[in-house]
N, C-alpha and C. Protein backbone atom coordinates (compact mmCIF):
# COMPACT_ATOMS: atom_id res chain seq x y z
N MET A 1 -94.08 174.08 236.35
CA MET A 1 -94.39 175.37 236.96
C MET A 1 -93.19 175.82 237.78
N SER A 2 -92.72 176.98 237.55
CA SER A 2 -91.56 177.46 238.30
C SER A 2 -92.00 178.49 239.34
N ALA A 3 -91.39 178.42 240.46
CA ALA A 3 -91.68 179.37 241.54
C ALA A 3 -90.69 180.53 241.46
N HIS A 4 -91.21 181.71 241.65
CA HIS A 4 -90.34 182.88 241.66
C HIS A 4 -89.88 183.13 243.10
N LEU A 5 -88.59 183.08 243.30
CA LEU A 5 -88.05 183.35 244.63
C LEU A 5 -87.79 184.84 244.74
N HIS A 6 -88.29 185.41 245.79
CA HIS A 6 -88.13 186.86 245.99
C HIS A 6 -87.29 187.08 247.23
N SER A 7 -86.15 187.68 247.06
CA SER A 7 -85.27 187.95 248.19
C SER A 7 -85.86 189.07 249.05
N PRO A 8 -85.90 188.86 250.37
CA PRO A 8 -86.39 189.94 251.23
C PRO A 8 -85.55 191.20 251.13
N LEU A 9 -84.30 191.04 250.74
CA LEU A 9 -83.43 192.21 250.61
C LEU A 9 -83.86 193.10 249.44
N GLN A 10 -84.64 192.56 248.54
CA GLN A 10 -85.06 193.33 247.37
C GLN A 10 -86.48 193.86 247.52
N ASP A 11 -87.15 193.58 248.61
CA ASP A 11 -88.53 194.00 248.80
C ASP A 11 -88.58 195.48 249.17
N ALA A 12 -89.29 196.26 248.38
CA ALA A 12 -89.39 197.71 248.62
C ALA A 12 -90.07 198.02 249.95
N ASP A 13 -90.83 197.06 250.48
CA ASP A 13 -91.51 197.29 251.75
C ASP A 13 -90.66 196.95 252.96
N ASP A 14 -89.48 196.40 252.74
CA ASP A 14 -88.58 196.10 253.85
C ASP A 14 -87.85 197.36 254.27
N PRO A 15 -87.65 197.54 255.57
CA PRO A 15 -86.88 198.71 256.03
C PRO A 15 -85.45 198.67 255.49
N HIS A 16 -84.94 199.84 255.12
CA HIS A 16 -83.57 199.96 254.67
C HIS A 16 -83.03 201.33 255.08
N PHE A 17 -81.72 201.44 255.12
CA PHE A 17 -81.05 202.67 255.53
C PHE A 17 -80.54 203.43 254.31
N GLU A 18 -80.60 204.75 254.42
CA GLU A 18 -79.99 205.65 253.44
C GLU A 18 -79.40 206.83 254.20
N LEU A 19 -78.42 207.49 253.58
CA LEU A 19 -77.92 208.73 254.13
C LEU A 19 -78.98 209.82 253.93
N LEU A 20 -79.10 210.71 254.89
CA LEU A 20 -80.05 211.81 254.76
C LEU A 20 -79.66 212.71 253.60
N THR A 21 -80.65 213.05 252.79
CA THR A 21 -80.47 214.02 251.72
C THR A 21 -81.45 215.17 251.97
N LEU A 22 -81.19 216.30 251.33
CA LEU A 22 -82.09 217.45 251.49
C LEU A 22 -83.52 217.11 251.08
N SER A 23 -83.67 216.20 250.13
CA SER A 23 -85.02 215.85 249.68
C SER A 23 -85.82 215.12 250.76
N ARG A 24 -85.16 214.55 251.74
CA ARG A 24 -85.85 213.85 252.83
C ARG A 24 -85.91 214.68 254.12
N LEU A 25 -85.34 215.88 254.09
CA LEU A 25 -85.25 216.68 255.31
C LEU A 25 -86.63 217.06 255.85
N GLU A 26 -87.57 217.40 254.99
CA GLU A 26 -88.92 217.80 255.47
C GLU A 26 -89.59 216.66 256.23
N ALA A 27 -89.50 215.44 255.69
CA ALA A 27 -90.10 214.28 256.36
C ALA A 27 -89.42 214.05 257.71
N LEU A 28 -88.09 214.20 257.74
CA LEU A 28 -87.36 214.04 259.00
C LEU A 28 -87.80 215.09 260.01
N LEU A 29 -87.94 216.33 259.58
CA LEU A 29 -88.35 217.40 260.50
C LEU A 29 -89.75 217.16 261.06
N GLU A 30 -90.64 216.60 260.25
CA GLU A 30 -91.99 216.27 260.74
C GLU A 30 -91.90 215.23 261.84
N VAL A 31 -91.08 214.22 261.66
CA VAL A 31 -90.90 213.19 262.69
C VAL A 31 -90.28 213.81 263.94
N GLU A 32 -89.24 214.59 263.76
CA GLU A 32 -88.54 215.23 264.89
C GLU A 32 -89.52 216.06 265.72
N GLN A 33 -90.35 216.86 265.05
CA GLN A 33 -91.28 217.73 265.77
C GLN A 33 -92.40 216.95 266.44
N SER A 34 -92.76 215.80 265.88
CA SER A 34 -93.82 214.99 266.49
C SER A 34 -93.30 214.16 267.67
N ALA A 35 -91.99 213.96 267.72
CA ALA A 35 -91.42 213.06 268.73
C ALA A 35 -90.93 213.77 269.99
N TYR A 36 -90.65 215.08 269.91
CA TYR A 36 -89.99 215.75 271.03
C TYR A 36 -90.66 217.05 271.44
N SER A 37 -90.57 217.35 272.71
CA SER A 37 -91.05 218.64 273.20
C SER A 37 -90.07 219.76 272.84
N HIS A 38 -88.79 219.41 272.68
CA HIS A 38 -87.75 220.37 272.30
C HIS A 38 -86.97 219.80 271.12
N PRO A 39 -87.60 219.81 269.93
CA PRO A 39 -86.97 219.18 268.76
C PRO A 39 -85.78 219.97 268.22
N TRP A 40 -84.93 219.26 267.50
CA TRP A 40 -83.88 219.93 266.75
C TRP A 40 -84.54 220.79 265.68
N SER A 41 -83.88 221.86 265.32
CA SER A 41 -84.38 222.75 264.27
C SER A 41 -83.83 222.31 262.91
N ARG A 42 -84.40 222.88 261.87
CA ARG A 42 -83.88 222.67 260.52
C ARG A 42 -82.39 223.04 260.49
N GLY A 43 -82.05 224.16 261.13
CA GLY A 43 -80.66 224.61 261.17
C GLY A 43 -79.75 223.60 261.85
N ASN A 44 -80.23 222.94 262.91
CA ASN A 44 -79.41 221.92 263.57
C ASN A 44 -79.07 220.79 262.59
N PHE A 45 -80.06 220.35 261.83
CA PHE A 45 -79.83 219.26 260.88
C PHE A 45 -78.96 219.71 259.71
N ILE A 46 -79.19 220.92 259.22
CA ILE A 46 -78.36 221.46 258.13
C ILE A 46 -76.91 221.56 258.60
N ASP A 47 -76.71 222.07 259.82
CA ASP A 47 -75.36 222.17 260.37
C ASP A 47 -74.71 220.80 260.50
N ALA A 48 -75.48 219.81 260.96
CA ALA A 48 -74.95 218.46 261.10
C ALA A 48 -74.54 217.89 259.74
N MET A 49 -75.38 218.14 258.73
CA MET A 49 -75.04 217.68 257.37
C MET A 49 -73.78 218.38 256.87
N SER A 50 -73.70 219.70 257.08
CA SER A 50 -72.56 220.48 256.62
C SER A 50 -71.27 220.06 257.32
N SER A 51 -71.40 219.62 258.57
CA SER A 51 -70.23 219.21 259.35
C SER A 51 -69.77 217.80 259.02
N GLY A 52 -70.52 217.11 258.17
CA GLY A 52 -70.14 215.76 257.79
C GLY A 52 -70.53 214.70 258.80
N TYR A 53 -71.45 215.01 259.68
CA TYR A 53 -71.90 214.01 260.64
C TYR A 53 -72.64 212.90 259.89
N GLN A 54 -72.62 211.72 260.46
CA GLN A 54 -73.31 210.59 259.87
C GLN A 54 -74.80 210.70 260.22
N ILE A 55 -75.64 210.85 259.19
CA ILE A 55 -77.08 210.92 259.40
C ILE A 55 -77.72 209.87 258.51
N GLN A 56 -78.19 208.81 259.14
CA GLN A 56 -78.84 207.74 258.40
C GLN A 56 -80.32 207.74 258.72
N VAL A 57 -81.13 207.56 257.67
CA VAL A 57 -82.57 207.45 257.84
C VAL A 57 -82.98 206.02 257.57
N LEU A 58 -83.94 205.55 258.34
CA LEU A 58 -84.51 204.22 258.17
C LEU A 58 -85.84 204.39 257.45
N LEU A 59 -85.95 203.77 256.28
CA LEU A 59 -87.12 203.93 255.43
C LEU A 59 -87.79 202.60 255.16
N ARG A 60 -89.10 202.66 254.96
CA ARG A 60 -89.84 201.53 254.38
C ARG A 60 -90.59 202.14 253.20
N GLY A 61 -90.17 201.80 252.00
CA GLY A 61 -90.65 202.51 250.83
C GLY A 61 -90.17 203.95 250.95
N ASP A 62 -91.09 204.90 250.88
CA ASP A 62 -90.73 206.31 251.07
C ASP A 62 -91.08 206.81 252.46
N GLU A 63 -91.54 205.92 253.32
CA GLU A 63 -91.96 206.32 254.66
C GLU A 63 -90.77 206.31 255.62
N LEU A 64 -90.56 207.43 256.31
CA LEU A 64 -89.44 207.55 257.23
C LEU A 64 -89.85 206.96 258.59
N LEU A 65 -89.14 205.91 258.99
CA LEU A 65 -89.43 205.21 260.24
C LEU A 65 -88.61 205.75 261.41
N GLY A 66 -87.40 206.21 261.11
CA GLY A 66 -86.51 206.71 262.15
C GLY A 66 -85.19 207.15 261.56
N TYR A 67 -84.29 207.59 262.44
CA TYR A 67 -83.00 208.10 261.98
C TYR A 67 -82.05 208.23 263.16
N PHE A 68 -80.77 208.38 262.82
CA PHE A 68 -79.79 208.74 263.84
C PHE A 68 -78.79 209.73 263.26
N VAL A 69 -78.23 210.53 264.17
CA VAL A 69 -77.18 211.50 263.84
C VAL A 69 -76.01 211.19 264.76
N ALA A 70 -74.83 210.99 264.18
CA ALA A 70 -73.66 210.64 264.98
C ALA A 70 -72.45 211.44 264.50
N MET A 71 -71.60 211.77 265.45
CA MET A 71 -70.39 212.54 265.20
C MET A 71 -69.18 211.66 265.53
N GLN A 72 -68.28 211.58 264.58
CA GLN A 72 -67.08 210.79 264.79
C GLN A 72 -66.02 211.62 265.49
N GLY A 73 -65.35 211.01 266.46
CA GLY A 73 -64.21 211.61 267.12
C GLY A 73 -63.01 210.70 266.97
N VAL A 74 -62.00 210.91 267.77
CA VAL A 74 -60.82 210.05 267.75
C VAL A 74 -61.16 208.78 268.53
N ASP A 75 -61.19 207.66 267.85
CA ASP A 75 -61.48 206.35 268.46
C ASP A 75 -62.86 206.26 269.10
N GLU A 76 -63.76 207.18 268.80
CA GLU A 76 -65.09 207.11 269.39
C GLU A 76 -66.12 207.78 268.49
N VAL A 77 -67.37 207.45 268.74
CA VAL A 77 -68.50 208.07 268.06
C VAL A 77 -69.45 208.56 269.12
N HIS A 78 -70.01 209.73 268.90
CA HIS A 78 -70.96 210.33 269.83
C HIS A 78 -72.33 210.38 269.15
N LEU A 79 -73.30 209.68 269.72
CA LEU A 79 -74.66 209.70 269.20
C LEU A 79 -75.32 211.01 269.64
N LEU A 80 -75.75 211.80 268.68
CA LEU A 80 -76.33 213.11 268.98
C LEU A 80 -77.86 213.09 268.97
N ASN A 81 -78.43 212.22 268.14
CA ASN A 81 -79.88 212.17 268.01
C ASN A 81 -80.24 210.80 267.45
N ILE A 82 -81.20 210.15 268.08
CA ILE A 82 -81.75 208.90 267.55
C ILE A 82 -83.25 208.97 267.80
N THR A 83 -84.02 208.72 266.75
CA THR A 83 -85.45 208.91 266.84
C THR A 83 -86.18 207.85 266.04
N VAL A 84 -87.19 207.27 266.65
CA VAL A 84 -88.14 206.41 265.94
C VAL A 84 -89.43 207.22 265.84
N ALA A 85 -90.01 207.29 264.65
CA ALA A 85 -91.27 208.01 264.46
C ALA A 85 -92.30 207.46 265.45
N PRO A 86 -93.04 208.33 266.12
CA PRO A 86 -93.99 207.87 267.14
C PRO A 86 -94.93 206.76 266.68
N ALA A 87 -95.36 206.78 265.44
CA ALA A 87 -96.29 205.75 264.94
C ALA A 87 -95.64 204.37 264.84
N PHE A 88 -94.29 204.33 264.88
CA PHE A 88 -93.59 203.06 264.71
C PHE A 88 -92.81 202.63 265.96
N GLN A 89 -93.04 203.31 267.06
CA GLN A 89 -92.33 202.95 268.29
C GLN A 89 -92.85 201.62 268.83
N ARG A 90 -92.02 201.00 269.65
CA ARG A 90 -92.32 199.72 270.30
C ARG A 90 -92.42 198.56 269.30
N GLN A 91 -91.63 198.66 268.22
CA GLN A 91 -91.58 197.60 267.22
C GLN A 91 -90.16 197.10 266.98
N GLY A 92 -89.23 197.48 267.87
CA GLY A 92 -87.86 197.03 267.73
C GLY A 92 -87.00 197.88 266.81
N LEU A 93 -87.52 199.01 266.34
CA LEU A 93 -86.76 199.83 265.40
C LEU A 93 -85.61 200.58 266.06
N ALA A 94 -85.74 200.92 267.33
CA ALA A 94 -84.62 201.57 268.04
C ALA A 94 -83.42 200.62 268.07
N HIS A 95 -83.69 199.35 268.31
CA HIS A 95 -82.62 198.35 268.32
C HIS A 95 -81.97 198.26 266.93
N LEU A 96 -82.79 198.29 265.89
CA LEU A 96 -82.28 198.25 264.52
C LEU A 96 -81.42 199.48 264.22
N LEU A 97 -81.87 200.65 264.65
CA LEU A 97 -81.09 201.88 264.47
C LEU A 97 -79.75 201.78 265.21
N LEU A 98 -79.79 201.27 266.44
CA LEU A 98 -78.55 201.13 267.22
C LEU A 98 -77.59 200.13 266.57
N GLN A 99 -78.14 199.06 266.02
CA GLN A 99 -77.28 198.09 265.33
C GLN A 99 -76.59 198.75 264.13
N ALA A 100 -77.34 199.52 263.37
CA ALA A 100 -76.75 200.21 262.21
C ALA A 100 -75.68 201.21 262.66
N LEU A 101 -75.96 201.89 263.76
CA LEU A 101 -74.99 202.85 264.30
C LEU A 101 -73.70 202.14 264.73
N VAL A 102 -73.84 201.01 265.40
CA VAL A 102 -72.66 200.25 265.83
C VAL A 102 -71.87 199.76 264.62
N LEU A 103 -72.55 199.26 263.61
CA LEU A 103 -71.85 198.81 262.40
C LEU A 103 -71.08 199.95 261.76
N TRP A 104 -71.73 201.10 261.62
CA TRP A 104 -71.03 202.24 261.04
C TRP A 104 -69.85 202.66 261.92
N SER A 105 -70.07 202.72 263.23
CA SER A 105 -69.01 203.14 264.16
C SER A 105 -67.80 202.21 264.07
N ARG A 106 -68.05 200.92 264.01
CA ARG A 106 -66.94 199.96 263.87
C ARG A 106 -66.22 200.16 262.55
N SER A 107 -66.96 200.49 261.49
CA SER A 107 -66.33 200.72 260.19
C SER A 107 -65.42 201.94 260.21
N GLN A 108 -65.64 202.83 261.19
CA GLN A 108 -64.81 204.02 261.37
C GLN A 108 -63.69 203.77 262.38
N ASN A 109 -63.54 202.53 262.81
CA ASN A 109 -62.53 202.11 263.79
C ASN A 109 -62.74 202.73 265.16
N ALA A 110 -63.99 203.03 265.48
CA ALA A 110 -64.29 203.57 266.81
C ALA A 110 -64.21 202.44 267.84
N GLN A 111 -63.74 202.80 269.01
CA GLN A 111 -63.65 201.85 270.12
C GLN A 111 -64.79 202.02 271.12
N TRP A 112 -65.38 203.21 271.13
CA TRP A 112 -66.44 203.54 272.09
C TRP A 112 -67.55 204.28 271.38
N LEU A 113 -68.76 204.12 271.91
CA LEU A 113 -69.92 204.86 271.46
C LEU A 113 -70.51 205.54 272.69
N TRP A 114 -70.75 206.86 272.60
CA TRP A 114 -71.23 207.66 273.72
C TRP A 114 -72.57 208.29 273.39
N LEU A 115 -73.35 208.58 274.42
CA LEU A 115 -74.61 209.30 274.25
C LEU A 115 -75.03 209.95 275.54
N GLU A 116 -75.93 210.91 275.42
CA GLU A 116 -76.62 211.49 276.57
C GLU A 116 -78.11 211.22 276.37
N VAL A 117 -78.80 211.04 277.49
CA VAL A 117 -80.25 210.82 277.45
C VAL A 117 -80.86 211.53 278.66
N ARG A 118 -82.04 212.10 278.44
CA ARG A 118 -82.71 212.79 279.55
C ARG A 118 -82.91 211.84 280.73
N VAL A 119 -82.70 212.34 281.94
CA VAL A 119 -82.94 211.56 283.15
C VAL A 119 -84.38 211.03 283.16
N SER A 120 -85.32 211.84 282.68
CA SER A 120 -86.73 211.46 282.72
C SER A 120 -87.11 210.44 281.63
N ASN A 121 -86.24 210.18 280.66
CA ASN A 121 -86.57 209.29 279.56
C ASN A 121 -86.22 207.85 279.92
N THR A 122 -87.01 207.29 280.81
CA THR A 122 -86.71 205.94 281.31
C THR A 122 -86.82 204.89 280.21
N ARG A 123 -87.76 205.06 279.29
CA ARG A 123 -87.92 204.07 278.21
C ARG A 123 -86.66 204.01 277.36
N ALA A 124 -86.13 205.16 276.96
CA ALA A 124 -84.90 205.18 276.16
C ALA A 124 -83.73 204.60 276.97
N ARG A 125 -83.63 204.96 278.23
CA ARG A 125 -82.54 204.43 279.05
C ARG A 125 -82.61 202.90 279.13
N GLU A 126 -83.82 202.36 279.25
CA GLU A 126 -83.98 200.90 279.29
C GLU A 126 -83.55 200.27 277.97
N ILE A 127 -83.90 200.90 276.85
CA ILE A 127 -83.48 200.39 275.54
C ILE A 127 -81.96 200.38 275.44
N TYR A 128 -81.32 201.48 275.85
CA TYR A 128 -79.86 201.55 275.79
C TYR A 128 -79.21 200.50 276.68
N GLU A 129 -79.73 200.36 277.90
CA GLU A 129 -79.16 199.36 278.82
C GLU A 129 -79.32 197.95 278.28
N LYS A 130 -80.48 197.65 277.72
CA LYS A 130 -80.71 196.33 277.14
C LYS A 130 -79.75 196.08 275.98
N PHE A 131 -79.41 197.13 275.24
CA PHE A 131 -78.49 197.02 274.12
C PHE A 131 -77.05 196.82 274.59
N GLY A 132 -76.74 197.22 275.83
CA GLY A 132 -75.39 197.04 276.37
C GLY A 132 -74.71 198.32 276.83
N PHE A 133 -75.38 199.46 276.68
CA PHE A 133 -74.81 200.72 277.18
C PHE A 133 -74.81 200.70 278.70
N ARG A 134 -73.81 201.37 279.28
CA ARG A 134 -73.72 201.50 280.73
C ARG A 134 -73.65 202.96 281.11
N ARG A 135 -74.29 203.28 282.22
CA ARG A 135 -74.26 204.65 282.74
C ARG A 135 -72.86 204.95 283.24
N VAL A 136 -72.30 206.08 282.79
CA VAL A 136 -70.95 206.43 283.20
C VAL A 136 -70.88 207.81 283.86
N GLY A 137 -71.99 208.53 283.87
CA GLY A 137 -71.97 209.85 284.50
C GLY A 137 -73.27 210.59 284.27
N GLU A 138 -73.24 211.86 284.65
CA GLU A 138 -74.41 212.71 284.50
C GLU A 138 -73.95 214.12 284.15
N ARG A 139 -74.71 214.80 283.31
CA ARG A 139 -74.45 216.20 282.98
C ARG A 139 -75.62 217.01 283.56
N LYS A 140 -75.29 217.87 284.49
CA LYS A 140 -76.32 218.68 285.14
C LYS A 140 -76.87 219.73 284.17
N ARG A 141 -78.18 219.90 284.20
CA ARG A 141 -78.89 220.94 283.44
C ARG A 141 -78.50 220.95 281.96
N TYR A 142 -78.41 219.78 281.36
CA TYR A 142 -77.93 219.61 279.99
C TYR A 142 -79.00 219.92 278.95
N TYR A 143 -80.22 219.47 279.19
CA TYR A 143 -81.30 219.61 278.20
C TYR A 143 -82.25 220.73 278.56
N PRO A 144 -82.79 221.42 277.54
CA PRO A 144 -83.86 222.39 277.83
C PRO A 144 -85.10 221.64 278.29
N ALA A 145 -85.85 222.28 279.19
CA ALA A 145 -87.08 221.68 279.70
C ALA A 145 -88.18 222.73 279.66
N GLU A 146 -89.32 222.40 280.21
CA GLU A 146 -90.46 223.31 280.19
C GLU A 146 -90.19 224.59 280.98
N MET A 147 -90.81 225.68 280.54
CA MET A 147 -90.79 226.97 281.22
C MET A 147 -89.38 227.45 281.57
N GLY A 148 -88.44 227.26 280.62
CA GLY A 148 -87.09 227.78 280.82
C GLY A 148 -86.22 226.97 281.76
N GLU A 149 -86.75 225.88 282.27
CA GLU A 149 -85.96 225.02 283.17
C GLU A 149 -84.98 224.18 282.35
N ARG A 150 -84.11 223.46 283.04
CA ARG A 150 -83.15 222.56 282.42
C ARG A 150 -83.26 221.19 283.08
N GLU A 151 -82.95 220.15 282.31
CA GLU A 151 -83.02 218.78 282.81
C GLU A 151 -81.65 218.12 282.70
N ASP A 152 -81.32 217.30 283.70
CA ASP A 152 -80.05 216.58 283.70
C ASP A 152 -80.05 215.49 282.63
N ALA A 153 -78.85 215.14 282.19
CA ALA A 153 -78.67 214.05 281.24
C ALA A 153 -77.85 212.94 281.88
N VAL A 154 -78.20 211.72 281.57
CA VAL A 154 -77.39 210.56 281.93
C VAL A 154 -76.43 210.32 280.77
N VAL A 155 -75.15 210.19 281.07
CA VAL A 155 -74.14 209.88 280.05
C VAL A 155 -73.94 208.37 280.06
N MET A 156 -74.02 207.79 278.85
CA MET A 156 -73.89 206.34 278.72
C MET A 156 -72.87 206.02 277.64
N SER A 157 -72.24 204.85 277.75
CA SER A 157 -71.29 204.43 276.72
C SER A 157 -71.31 202.92 276.57
N ILE A 158 -70.80 202.47 275.44
CA ILE A 158 -70.63 201.04 275.17
C ILE A 158 -69.29 200.88 274.46
N GLN A 159 -68.55 199.86 274.85
CA GLN A 159 -67.30 199.56 274.15
C GLN A 159 -67.63 198.70 272.94
N LEU A 160 -67.04 199.07 271.81
CA LEU A 160 -67.36 198.38 270.55
C LEU A 160 -66.42 197.22 270.28
C-alpha cells in the first residue's frame, strides 16, 4: 500500500499570494468597504494599478483574505494600504501580509519600509510594533475622519 504525500504548497486551501487583477477588483473593493469607515475608491485602486504599484492579494482558494498596496521609491518602499478582511482578522494574516511585503521590498533593493497609521488605530500600531516598525513621527490631520474632521497619522518605519 503506498501513501500519497501531499505537499502543503500544492493545497488549494492554503493561503497564497497573487498580483491584483481586474477580475479580483470587485472582491477587493467589498473587503475594503467592509473594513474601513473611509475606504479607498475603485479609482484609487485603478490609479495604483496604472501607476505600477505593487498590489498583492492573499487568497485561500478564490476567497480574498487580505491585500497590500505598496509604492517603490529610491531605496525605500511606502506601504499605502494593508487590509485583512474583517472575517479573517486576529488569525496572524497581517503578519503574513507584512512578511510578503518585506520579501518583495528586499527584492527591490529597498533599505527602508515606511507607513502611516491612524493615531486611533491602536491594534494596527501594536501589530506594526511587534513586527519591528518604530514610530518616527506624526502627520497632523492626515486622514479623513467623521463629520469633515481630520485625524493625525503616526509615521512608522523599519530598516530592511
